[in-house]
Amino acid sequence: MFHGYDPRAPWGVDPKTGRPYSDKQKIIAGILQIFLGKFGVGRFYTGHTNLAVIQLITCMLGVWVFSWFTCGMTVLVLFWPVIDGIIILATDSTDANGLPLR
């Protein structure tokens, strides 16, 4: 057996918290959210399905409904996934199990 390998933490542990890293990657989650976030893809990837479904419904129906009334709401709905993707990349984001993204 390899010395120092922990089968409970195959991707290592976060030096700040000591928790094992997630099998999900922060870069992939952030890029998916920035470019495909209106479909909730980045949040589906990290396992946050409730938030992903809300983003999907809000962005798909919200843009169609609110585009008839105001452009401001449409812009807000379209930028939400981009801002969310930047937050994933810039912070200590976690997956749905609370494990830090690697």
N, C-alpha and C. Protein backbone atom coordinates (compact mmCIF):
# COMPACT_ATOMS: atom_id res chain seq x y z
N MET A 1 0.83 -1.18 0.00
CA MET A 1 0.00 0.00 0.00
C MET A 1 0.88 1.24 0.00
N PHE A 2 0.46 2.23 -0.76
CA PHE A 2 1.21 3.48 -0.89
C PHE A 2 1.10 4.28 0.41
N HIS A 3 2.21 4.69 0.95
CA HIS A 3 2.21 5.44 2.20
C HIS A 3 1.62 6.84 1.99
N GLY A 4 0.68 7.23 2.84
CA GLY A 4 0.09 8.57 2.75
C GLY A 4 -1.20 8.60 1.97
N TYR A 5 -1.57 7.52 1.32
CA TYR A 5 -2.82 7.50 0.54
C TYR A 5 -3.99 7.17 1.46
N ASP A 6 -5.03 7.96 1.38
CA ASP A 6 -6.23 7.74 2.18
C ASP A 6 -7.37 7.40 1.22
N PRO A 7 -7.91 6.19 1.26
CA PRO A 7 -8.98 5.81 0.33
C PRO A 7 -10.25 6.63 0.51
N ARG A 8 -10.41 7.28 1.67
CA ARG A 8 -11.58 8.14 1.88
C ARG A 8 -11.40 9.50 1.24
N ALA A 9 -10.18 9.83 0.84
CA ALA A 9 -9.88 11.12 0.22
C ALA A 9 -8.98 10.90 -0.98
N PRO A 10 -9.50 10.30 -2.06
CA PRO A 10 -8.64 9.98 -3.20
C PRO A 10 -8.06 11.21 -3.91
N TRP A 11 -8.68 12.38 -3.75
CA TRP A 11 -8.17 13.59 -4.40
C TRP A 11 -7.47 14.50 -3.41
N GLY A 12 -7.20 14.01 -2.22
CA GLY A 12 -6.51 14.79 -1.21
C GLY A 12 -7.48 15.50 -0.27
N VAL A 13 -6.91 16.28 0.63
CA VAL A 13 -7.73 17.01 1.59
C VAL A 13 -7.45 18.50 1.48
N ASP A 14 -8.45 19.29 1.80
CA ASP A 14 -8.32 20.74 1.80
C ASP A 14 -7.44 21.13 2.98
N PRO A 15 -6.33 21.85 2.75
CA PRO A 15 -5.44 22.20 3.85
C PRO A 15 -6.08 23.15 4.86
N LYS A 16 -7.07 23.93 4.45
CA LYS A 16 -7.72 24.87 5.36
C LYS A 16 -8.67 24.16 6.32
N THR A 17 -9.46 23.24 5.79
CA THR A 17 -10.52 22.62 6.59
C THR A 17 -10.23 21.18 6.98
N GLY A 18 -9.35 20.52 6.25
CA GLY A 18 -9.06 19.12 6.52
C GLY A 18 -10.10 18.17 5.93
N ARG A 19 -11.09 18.71 5.23
CA ARG A 19 -12.11 17.86 4.59
C ARG A 19 -11.58 17.33 3.27
N PRO A 20 -12.01 16.14 2.86
CA PRO A 20 -11.56 15.60 1.57
C PRO A 20 -12.14 16.42 0.42
N TYR A 21 -11.37 16.51 -0.65
CA TYR A 21 -11.84 17.22 -1.84
C TYR A 21 -12.93 16.42 -2.54
N SER A 22 -13.80 17.15 -3.24
CA SER A 22 -14.84 16.55 -4.05
C SER A 22 -14.23 15.94 -5.31
N ASP A 23 -14.99 15.08 -5.96
CA ASP A 23 -14.54 14.56 -7.25
C ASP A 23 -14.82 15.56 -8.37
N LYS A 24 -15.50 16.65 -8.06
CA LYS A 24 -15.82 17.70 -9.04
C LYS A 24 -14.74 18.77 -9.02
N GLN A 25 -14.51 19.39 -10.19
CA GLN A 25 -13.48 20.41 -10.31
C GLN A 25 -14.08 21.81 -10.39
N LYS A 26 -13.45 22.74 -9.68
CA LYS A 26 -13.93 24.12 -9.62
C LYS A 26 -13.90 24.78 -11.00
N ILE A 27 -12.83 24.59 -11.74
CA ILE A 27 -12.68 25.22 -13.07
C ILE A 27 -13.80 24.75 -14.00
N ILE A 28 -14.06 23.48 -14.03
CA ILE A 28 -15.11 22.94 -14.91
C ILE A 28 -16.47 23.48 -14.49
N ALA A 29 -16.75 23.47 -13.19
CA ALA A 29 -18.04 23.98 -12.71
C ALA A 29 -18.22 25.44 -13.07
N GLY A 30 -17.19 26.25 -12.87
CA GLY A 30 -17.29 27.68 -13.18
C GLY A 30 -17.47 27.95 -14.66
N ILE A 31 -16.71 27.27 -15.49
CA ILE A 31 -16.82 27.49 -16.95
C ILE A 31 -18.17 27.01 -17.47
N LEU A 32 -18.63 25.86 -16.99
CA LEU A 32 -19.96 25.39 -17.40
C LEU A 32 -21.03 26.38 -16.99
N GLN A 33 -20.91 26.95 -15.79
CA GLN A 33 -21.91 27.89 -15.32
C GLN A 33 -21.86 29.19 -16.11
N ILE A 34 -20.68 29.66 -16.46
CA ILE A 34 -20.56 30.91 -17.22
C ILE A 34 -21.15 30.76 -18.61
N PHE A 35 -20.81 29.67 -19.30
CA PHE A 35 -21.23 29.53 -20.69
C PHE A 35 -22.57 28.82 -20.89
N LEU A 36 -22.94 27.92 -19.99
CA LEU A 36 -24.20 27.18 -20.14
C LEU A 36 -25.09 27.34 -18.90
N GLY A 37 -24.84 28.38 -18.14
CA GLY A 37 -25.54 28.58 -16.88
C GLY A 37 -27.02 28.83 -17.00
N LYS A 38 -27.47 29.36 -18.13
CA LYS A 38 -28.91 29.59 -18.23
C LYS A 38 -29.68 28.27 -18.27
N PHE A 39 -28.97 27.19 -18.50
CA PHE A 39 -29.57 25.85 -18.42
C PHE A 39 -29.24 25.19 -17.08
N GLY A 40 -28.51 25.89 -16.20
CA GLY A 40 -28.14 25.36 -14.89
C GLY A 40 -27.08 24.28 -14.92
N VAL A 41 -26.33 24.20 -16.01
CA VAL A 41 -25.39 23.10 -16.21
C VAL A 41 -24.30 23.05 -15.12
N GLY A 42 -23.74 24.19 -14.75
CA GLY A 42 -22.70 24.20 -13.73
C GLY A 42 -23.21 23.72 -12.38
N ARG A 43 -24.42 24.08 -12.05
CA ARG A 43 -25.01 23.64 -10.78
C ARG A 43 -25.46 22.19 -10.83
N PHE A 44 -25.91 21.73 -11.99
CA PHE A 44 -26.19 20.29 -12.12
C PHE A 44 -24.90 19.50 -11.93
N TYR A 45 -23.79 20.01 -12.48
CA TYR A 45 -22.50 19.34 -12.37
C TYR A 45 -22.07 19.18 -10.91
N THR A 46 -22.27 20.23 -10.09
CA THR A 46 -21.86 20.16 -8.69
C THR A 46 -22.88 19.45 -7.81
N GLY A 47 -24.03 19.10 -8.37
CA GLY A 47 -25.04 18.37 -7.61
C GLY A 47 -26.09 19.24 -6.95
N HIS A 48 -26.03 20.54 -7.18
CA HIS A 48 -27.03 21.45 -6.61
C HIS A 48 -28.24 21.51 -7.55
N THR A 49 -29.00 20.42 -7.59
CA THR A 49 -30.07 20.30 -8.58
C THR A 49 -31.22 21.27 -8.34
N ASN A 50 -31.55 21.59 -7.09
CA ASN A 50 -32.64 22.53 -6.85
C ASN A 50 -32.32 23.90 -7.44
N LEU A 51 -31.11 24.39 -7.20
CA LEU A 51 -30.70 25.67 -7.74
C LEU A 51 -30.62 25.61 -9.27
N ALA A 52 -30.16 24.51 -9.81
CA ALA A 52 -30.05 24.35 -11.26
C ALA A 52 -31.42 24.40 -11.91
N VAL A 53 -32.40 23.74 -11.33
CA VAL A 53 -33.75 23.75 -11.89
C VAL A 53 -34.34 25.15 -11.81
N ILE A 54 -34.10 25.85 -10.70
CA ILE A 54 -34.60 27.23 -10.58
C ILE A 54 -33.97 28.11 -11.65
N GLN A 55 -32.66 27.96 -11.88
CA GLN A 55 -32.00 28.74 -12.93
C GLN A 55 -32.56 28.40 -14.30
N LEU A 56 -32.77 27.14 -14.55
CA LEU A 56 -33.31 26.71 -15.84
C LEU A 56 -34.69 27.31 -16.08
N ILE A 57 -35.56 27.18 -15.11
CA ILE A 57 -36.92 27.70 -15.27
C ILE A 57 -36.92 29.21 -15.36
N THR A 58 -36.16 29.86 -14.48
CA THR A 58 -36.12 31.32 -14.47
C THR A 58 -35.58 31.88 -15.77
N CYS A 59 -34.49 31.30 -16.24
CA CYS A 59 -33.88 31.83 -17.45
C CYS A 59 -34.66 31.50 -18.70
N MET A 60 -35.23 30.33 -18.78
CA MET A 60 -35.97 29.96 -19.99
C MET A 60 -37.34 30.63 -20.05
N LEU A 61 -38.11 30.51 -18.96
CA LEU A 61 -39.43 31.14 -18.94
C LEU A 61 -39.34 32.63 -18.64
N GLY A 62 -38.44 32.98 -17.72
CA GLY A 62 -38.32 34.38 -17.32
C GLY A 62 -37.95 35.29 -18.47
N VAL A 63 -37.02 34.89 -19.28
CA VAL A 63 -36.61 35.72 -20.42
C VAL A 63 -37.79 35.89 -21.38
N TRP A 64 -38.50 34.84 -21.64
CA TRP A 64 -39.63 34.91 -22.58
C TRP A 64 -40.74 35.79 -22.02
N VAL A 65 -41.11 35.58 -20.76
CA VAL A 65 -42.21 36.33 -20.16
C VAL A 65 -41.81 37.78 -19.95
N PHE A 66 -40.64 38.01 -19.31
CA PHE A 66 -40.25 39.37 -18.97
C PHE A 66 -39.79 40.18 -20.16
N SER A 67 -39.41 39.54 -21.25
CA SER A 67 -38.99 40.29 -22.42
C SER A 67 -40.15 41.08 -23.02
N TRP A 68 -41.36 40.65 -22.73
CA TRP A 68 -42.53 41.39 -23.21
C TRP A 68 -42.75 42.65 -22.39
N PHE A 69 -42.24 42.70 -21.16
CA PHE A 69 -42.54 43.81 -20.28
C PHE A 69 -41.36 44.75 -20.05
N THR A 70 -40.20 44.19 -19.82
CA THR A 70 -39.06 45.05 -19.49
C THR A 70 -37.74 44.38 -19.88
N CYS A 71 -36.86 45.18 -20.42
CA CYS A 71 -35.54 44.66 -20.80
C CYS A 71 -34.65 44.51 -19.58
N GLY A 72 -34.87 45.31 -18.53
CA GLY A 72 -34.04 45.25 -17.33
C GLY A 72 -34.08 43.88 -16.68
N MET A 73 -35.25 43.29 -16.56
CA MET A 73 -35.37 41.98 -15.94
C MET A 73 -34.70 40.92 -16.81
N THR A 74 -34.82 41.06 -18.12
CA THR A 74 -34.18 40.11 -19.03
C THR A 74 -32.67 40.14 -18.86
N VAL A 75 -32.09 41.32 -18.75
CA VAL A 75 -30.65 41.44 -18.56
C VAL A 75 -30.24 40.82 -17.23
N LEU A 76 -31.02 41.08 -16.18
CA LEU A 76 -30.72 40.49 -14.87
C LEU A 76 -30.74 38.97 -14.92
N VAL A 77 -31.73 38.40 -15.57
CA VAL A 77 -31.87 36.95 -15.66
C VAL A 77 -30.73 36.35 -16.47
N LEU A 78 -30.27 37.03 -17.50
CA LEU A 78 -29.18 36.51 -18.32
C LEU A 78 -27.82 36.61 -17.64
N PHE A 79 -27.62 37.61 -16.77
CA PHE A 79 -26.34 37.77 -16.10
C PHE A 79 -26.21 36.95 -14.83
N TRP A 80 -27.33 36.47 -14.29
CA TRP A 80 -27.28 35.68 -13.06
C TRP A 80 -26.34 34.47 -13.20
N PRO A 81 -26.45 33.66 -14.27
CA PRO A 81 -25.55 32.51 -14.39
C PRO A 81 -24.07 32.90 -14.53
N VAL A 82 -23.80 34.01 -15.20
CA VAL A 82 -22.41 34.46 -15.37
C VAL A 82 -21.83 34.87 -14.02
N ILE A 83 -22.60 35.63 -13.25
CA ILE A 83 -22.15 36.04 -11.92
C ILE A 83 -21.98 34.82 -11.02
N ASP A 84 -22.91 33.88 -11.12
CA ASP A 84 -22.82 32.65 -10.33
C ASP A 84 -21.56 31.86 -10.70
N GLY A 85 -21.22 31.79 -11.97
CA GLY A 85 -20.00 31.11 -12.40
C GLY A 85 -18.75 31.76 -11.86
N ILE A 86 -18.74 33.09 -11.84
CA ILE A 86 -17.59 33.81 -11.29
C ILE A 86 -17.48 33.55 -9.79
N ILE A 87 -18.62 33.50 -9.10
CA ILE A 87 -18.61 33.20 -7.67
C ILE A 87 -18.06 31.80 -7.41
N ILE A 88 -18.44 30.84 -8.24
CA ILE A 88 -17.91 29.48 -8.09
C ILE A 88 -16.38 29.50 -8.21
N LEU A 89 -15.87 30.24 -9.17
CA LEU A 89 -14.43 30.28 -9.40
C LEU A 89 -13.68 31.07 -8.33
N ALA A 90 -14.28 32.11 -7.80
CA ALA A 90 -13.58 33.02 -6.90
C ALA A 90 -13.67 32.66 -5.43
N THR A 91 -14.57 31.76 -5.06
CA THR A 91 -14.75 31.43 -3.65
C THR A 91 -14.41 29.97 -3.38
N ASP A 92 -14.48 29.60 -2.13
CA ASP A 92 -14.27 28.21 -1.73
C ASP A 92 -15.59 27.46 -1.91
N SER A 93 -15.91 27.14 -3.14
CA SER A 93 -17.18 26.49 -3.46
C SER A 93 -17.17 25.03 -3.07
N THR A 94 -18.37 24.51 -2.83
CA THR A 94 -18.51 23.10 -2.45
C THR A 94 -19.49 22.41 -3.38
N ASP A 95 -19.45 21.08 -3.35
CA ASP A 95 -20.45 20.31 -4.09
C ASP A 95 -21.69 20.13 -3.22
N ALA A 96 -22.64 19.36 -3.67
CA ALA A 96 -23.89 19.17 -2.93
C ALA A 96 -23.68 18.43 -1.61
N ASN A 97 -22.57 17.73 -1.47
CA ASN A 97 -22.28 17.01 -0.23
C ASN A 97 -21.47 17.86 0.75
N GLY A 98 -21.18 19.10 0.38
CA GLY A 98 -20.41 19.98 1.25
C GLY A 98 -18.91 19.83 1.15
N LEU A 99 -18.45 19.03 0.19
CA LEU A 99 -17.02 18.84 0.00
C LEU A 99 -16.46 19.95 -0.89
N PRO A 100 -15.30 20.49 -0.58
CA PRO A 100 -14.74 21.55 -1.39
C PRO A 100 -14.38 21.05 -2.79
N LEU A 101 -14.67 21.91 -3.79
CA LEU A 101 -14.30 21.57 -5.16
C LEU A 101 -12.80 21.64 -5.29
N ARG A 102 -12.22 20.75 -6.08
CA ARG A 102 -10.77 20.75 -6.22
C ARG A 102 -10.33 21.56 -7.40
